[in-house]
């Protein structure tokens, strides 16, 4: 995890995994800001890309305190999760590690409890959506 990305294999197709994550996030009180279908974008310009979808979600209550500490953290917020199919047809769900983001943006120790809560919440949502354990 030196690159700050956590990845878990999903038991579900890409679109279903993203749907499951969006539903879990909404149920947890988070907001869905955007969904991007990169494969559709590729098709729109006559290129081929295996299924790849991005979900952008979060809540100002969680992200704003981090941006008040380091406004540049806004480049990584709200949270994103990328679901993608590899060349073998296996589906993966990837997201940024909140601890890595805290380190990247040099967040103060005062935000450590919030960062841990975000990390735990994101892992719980993602692993539930994927029906798997992280790698």
C-alpha atoms as a PDB file:
ATOM      1  CA  UNK A   1       0.000   0.000   0.000  1.00  0.00           C
ATOM      2  CA  UNK A   2       2.980   2.333  -0.428  1.00  0.00           C
ATOM      3  CA  UNK A   3       1.129   4.148  -3.204  1.00  0.00           C
ATOM      4  CA  UNK A   4      -1.812   4.883  -0.914  1.00  0.00           C
ATOM      5  CA  UNK A   5      -4.294   2.768  -2.863  1.00  0.00           C
ATOM      6  CA  UNK A   6      -6.219  -0.085  -1.275  1.00  0.00           C
ATOM      7  CA  UNK A   7      -7.668  -2.708  -3.608  1.00  0.00           C
ATOM      8  CA  UNK A   8     -10.176  -5.483  -2.959  1.00  0.00           C
ATOM      9  CA  UNK A   9     -11.464  -8.102  -5.342  1.00  0.00           C
ATOM     10  CA  UNK A  10     -15.195  -7.934  -5.968  1.00  0.00           C
ATOM     11  CA  UNK A  11     -17.465 -10.922  -6.365  1.00  0.00           C
ATOM     12  CA  UNK A  12     -19.783  -8.799  -8.511  1.00  0.00           C
ATOM     13  CA  UNK A  13     -19.590  -7.177 -11.964  1.00  0.00           C
ATOM     14  CA  UNK A  14     -18.289  -3.602 -12.125  1.00  0.00           C
ATOM     15  CA  UNK A  15     -21.677  -1.864 -12.400  1.00  0.00           C
ATOM     16  CA  UNK A  16     -23.207  -3.968  -9.648  1.00  0.00           C
ATOM     17  CA  UNK A  17     -20.250  -3.291  -7.350  1.00  0.00           C
ATOM     18  CA  UNK A  18     -20.588   0.474  -7.908  1.00  0.00           C
ATOM     19  CA  UNK A  19     -24.361   0.238  -7.380  1.00  0.00           C
ATOM     20  CA  UNK A  20     -23.801  -1.658  -4.126  1.00  0.00           C
ATOM     21  CA  UNK A  21     -21.213   0.889  -2.961  1.00  0.00           C
ATOM     22  CA  UNK A  22     -23.481   3.827  -3.832  1.00  0.00           C
ATOM     23  CA  UNK A  23     -26.385   2.232  -1.959  1.00  0.00           C
ATOM     24  CA  UNK A  24     -24.237   1.490   1.100  1.00  0.00           C
ATOM     25  CA  UNK A  25     -22.803   5.029   1.082  1.00  0.00           C
ATOM     26  CA  UNK A  26     -26.273   6.577   0.817  1.00  0.00           C
ATOM     27  CA  UNK A  27     -27.561   4.345   3.606  1.00  0.00           C
ATOM     28  CA  UNK A  28     -24.634   5.539   5.741  1.00  0.00           C
ATOM     29  CA  UNK A  29     -25.719   9.151   5.203  1.00  0.00           C
ATOM     30  CA  UNK A  30     -23.152  10.030   2.553  1.00  0.00           C
ATOM     31  CA  UNK A  31     -23.863  11.925  -0.645  1.00  0.00           C
ATOM     32  CA  UNK A  32     -23.245  10.610  -4.143  1.00  0.00           C
ATOM     33  CA  UNK A  33     -21.635  13.462  -6.060  1.00  0.00           C
ATOM     34  CA  UNK A  34     -20.869  11.763  -9.377  1.00  0.00           C
ATOM     35  CA  UNK A  35     -20.545   8.508 -11.238  1.00  0.00           C
ATOM     36  CA  UNK A  36     -18.212   8.248 -14.204  1.00  0.00           C
ATOM     37  CA  UNK A  37     -18.310   5.333 -16.630  1.00  0.00           C
ATOM     38  CA  UNK A  38     -14.829   5.436 -18.173  1.00  0.00           C
ATOM     39  CA  UNK A  39     -15.611   2.539 -20.529  1.00  0.00           C
ATOM     40  CA  UNK A  40     -18.584   4.461 -21.925  1.00  0.00           C
ATOM     41  CA  UNK A  41     -16.368   7.491 -22.374  1.00  0.00           C
ATOM     42  CA  UNK A  42     -13.926   5.350 -24.318  1.00  0.00           C
ATOM     43  CA  UNK A  43     -16.737   3.984 -26.507  1.00  0.00           C
ATOM     44  CA  UNK A  44     -17.870   7.562 -27.180  1.00  0.00           C
ATOM     45  CA  UNK A  45     -14.502   8.231 -28.850  1.00  0.00           C
ATOM     46  CA  UNK A  46     -14.367   4.830 -30.583  1.00  0.00           C
ATOM     47  CA  UNK A  47     -11.886   3.252 -28.174  1.00  0.00           C
ATOM     48  CA  UNK A  48     -12.196   0.110 -26.119  1.00  0.00           C
ATOM     49  CA  UNK A  49     -11.736  -0.066 -22.365  1.00  0.00           C
ATOM     50  CA  UNK A  50     -12.721  -2.911 -20.078  1.00  0.00           C
ATOM     51  CA  UNK A  51     -15.515  -2.006 -17.636  1.00  0.00           C
ATOM     52  CA  UNK A  52     -14.231   0.804 -15.402  1.00  0.00           C
ATOM     53  CA  UNK A  53     -16.445   3.025 -13.247  1.00  0.00           C
ATOM     54  CA  UNK A  54     -15.668   5.730 -10.703  1.00  0.00           C
ATOM     55  CA  UNK A  55     -17.918   6.755  -7.828  1.00  0.00           C
ATOM     56  CA  UNK A  56     -17.340  10.099  -6.075  1.00  0.00           C
ATOM     57  CA  UNK A  57     -19.052  10.366  -2.708  1.00  0.00           C
ATOM     58  CA  UNK A  58     -18.728  11.725   0.806  1.00  0.00           C
ATOM     59  CA  UNK A  59     -20.125  14.377   3.073  1.00  0.00           C
ATOM     60  CA  UNK A  60     -19.035  17.957   3.797  1.00  0.00           C
ATOM     61  CA  UNK A  61     -19.225  17.136   7.516  1.00  0.00           C
ATOM     62  CA  UNK A  62     -16.310  14.714   7.074  1.00  0.00           C
ATOM     63  CA  UNK A  63     -14.237  16.442   4.422  1.00  0.00           C
ATOM     64  CA  UNK A  64     -14.485  20.093   5.399  1.00  0.00           C
ATOM     65  CA  UNK A  65     -12.512  19.758   8.666  1.00  0.00           C
ATOM     66  CA  UNK A  66      -9.686  18.126   6.711  1.00  0.00           C
ATOM     67  CA  UNK A  67      -9.712  20.970   4.183  1.00  0.00           C
ATOM     68  CA  UNK A  68      -9.758  23.538   6.989  1.00  0.00           C
ATOM     69  CA  UNK A  69      -6.514  21.923   8.169  1.00  0.00           C
ATOM     70  CA  UNK A  70      -5.011  21.738   4.662  1.00  0.00           C
ATOM     71  CA  UNK A  71      -7.096  23.209   1.889  1.00  0.00           C
ATOM     72  CA  UNK A  72      -5.129  21.256  -0.713  1.00  0.00           C
ATOM     73  CA  UNK A  73      -6.734  18.081   0.669  1.00  0.00           C
ATOM     74  CA  UNK A  74      -9.683  19.131  -1.478  1.00  0.00           C
ATOM     75  CA  UNK A  75      -7.897  17.676  -4.485  1.00  0.00           C
ATOM     76  CA  UNK A  76      -8.478  14.230  -2.967  1.00  0.00           C
ATOM     77  CA  UNK A  77     -11.921  14.940  -1.543  1.00  0.00           C
ATOM     78  CA  UNK A  78     -14.651  13.922  -1.746  1.00  0.00           C
ATOM     79  CA  UNK A  79     -13.655  10.283  -1.628  1.00  0.00           C
ATOM     80  CA  UNK A  80     -13.499   8.237  -4.806  1.00  0.00           C
ATOM     81  CA  UNK A  81     -13.695   4.516  -5.516  1.00  0.00           C
ATOM     82  CA  UNK A  82     -12.739   2.971  -8.839  1.00  0.00           C
ATOM     83  CA  UNK A  83     -14.142  -0.372  -9.896  1.00  0.00           C
ATOM     84  CA  UNK A  84     -12.460  -2.061 -12.834  1.00  0.00           C
ATOM     85  CA  UNK A  85     -12.205  -5.354 -14.653  1.00  0.00           C
ATOM     86  CA  UNK A  86      -8.742  -6.747 -15.365  1.00  0.00           C
ATOM     87  CA  UNK A  87      -7.572  -8.633 -18.444  1.00  0.00           C
ATOM     88  CA  UNK A  88      -8.573 -11.946 -16.811  1.00  0.00           C
ATOM     89  CA  UNK A  89     -12.137 -10.782 -16.182  1.00  0.00           C
ATOM     90  CA  UNK A  90     -11.627 -10.334 -12.434  1.00  0.00           C
ATOM     91  CA  UNK A  91     -13.255  -7.267 -10.883  1.00  0.00           C
ATOM     92  CA  UNK A  92     -11.453  -4.997  -8.429  1.00  0.00           C
ATOM     93  CA  UNK A  93     -12.486  -2.053  -6.263  1.00  0.00           C
ATOM     94  CA  UNK A  94      -9.786   0.496  -5.397  1.00  0.00           C
ATOM     95  CA  UNK A  95      -9.815   3.557  -3.141  1.00  0.00           C
ATOM     96  CA  UNK A  96      -7.352   5.932  -1.500  1.00  0.00           C
ATOM     97  CA  UNK A  97      -6.182   5.106   1.986  1.00  0.00           C
ATOM     98  CA  UNK A  98      -7.278   7.912   4.324  1.00  0.00           C
ATOM     99  CA  UNK A  99      -4.037   7.605   6.310  1.00  0.00           C
ATOM    100  CA  UNK A 100      -2.046   8.137   3.142  1.00  0.00           C
ATOM    101  CA  UNK A 101      -4.136  11.228   2.365  1.00  0.00           C
ATOM    102  CA  UNK A 102      -3.477  12.565   5.867  1.00  0.00           C
ATOM    103  CA  UNK A 103       0.252  12.065   5.342  1.00  0.00           C
ATOM    104  CA  UNK A 104       0.164  13.525   1.812  1.00  0.00           C
ATOM    105  CA  UNK A 105      -1.548  16.694   3.006  1.00  0.00           C
ATOM    106  CA  UNK A 106       0.285  16.856   6.350  1.00  0.00           C
ATOM    107  CA  UNK A 107      -2.942  16.928   8.336  1.00  0.00           C
ATOM    108  CA  UNK A 108      -2.515  17.802  11.994  1.00  0.00           C
ATOM    109  CA  UNK A 109      -2.745  15.218  14.751  1.00  0.00           C
ATOM    110  CA  UNK A 110      -6.034  16.851  15.777  1.00  0.00           C
ATOM    111  CA  UNK A 111      -7.584  15.236  12.682  1.00  0.00           C
ATOM    112  CA  UNK A 112      -6.256  11.749  13.452  1.00  0.00           C
ATOM    113  CA  UNK A 113      -9.567  10.481  14.939  1.00  0.00           C
ATOM    114  CA  UNK A 114     -11.496  11.742  11.904  1.00  0.00           C
ATOM    115  CA  UNK A 115      -8.979  10.186   9.511  1.00  0.00           C
ATOM    116  CA  UNK A 116      -9.259   6.827  11.324  1.00  0.00           C
ATOM    117  CA  UNK A 117     -13.058   7.032  11.210  1.00  0.00           C
ATOM    118  CA  UNK A 118     -12.982   7.822   7.489  1.00  0.00           C
ATOM    119  CA  UNK A 119     -10.553   4.959   6.840  1.00  0.00           C
ATOM    120  CA  UNK A 120     -12.640   2.481   8.809  1.00  0.00           C
ATOM    121  CA  UNK A 121     -15.875   3.670   7.226  1.00  0.00           C
ATOM    122  CA  UNK A 122     -14.485   3.547   3.697  1.00  0.00           C
ATOM    123  CA  UNK A 123     -13.058   0.070   4.191  1.00  0.00           C
ATOM    124  CA  UNK A 124     -16.328  -1.173   5.629  1.00  0.00           C
ATOM    125  CA  UNK A 125     -18.374   0.257   2.765  1.00  0.00           C
ATOM    126  CA  UNK A 126     -16.006  -0.947   0.060  1.00  0.00           C
ATOM    127  CA  UNK A 127     -15.518  -4.454   1.412  1.00  0.00           C
ATOM    128  CA  UNK A 128     -19.249  -4.847   1.903  1.00  0.00           C
ATOM    129  CA  UNK A 129     -19.934  -3.663  -1.663  1.00  0.00           C
ATOM    130  CA  UNK A 130     -17.288  -5.994  -3.077  1.00  0.00           C
ATOM    131  CA  UNK A 131     -18.146  -8.931  -0.832  1.00  0.00           C
ATOM    132  CA  UNK A 132     -14.424  -9.525  -0.256  1.00  0.00           C
ATOM    133  CA  UNK A 133     -11.275  -8.782   1.723  1.00  0.00           C
ATOM    134  CA  UNK A 134      -8.623  -6.228   0.689  1.00  0.00           C
ATOM    135  CA  UNK A 135      -5.233  -7.108  -0.768  1.00  0.00           C
END
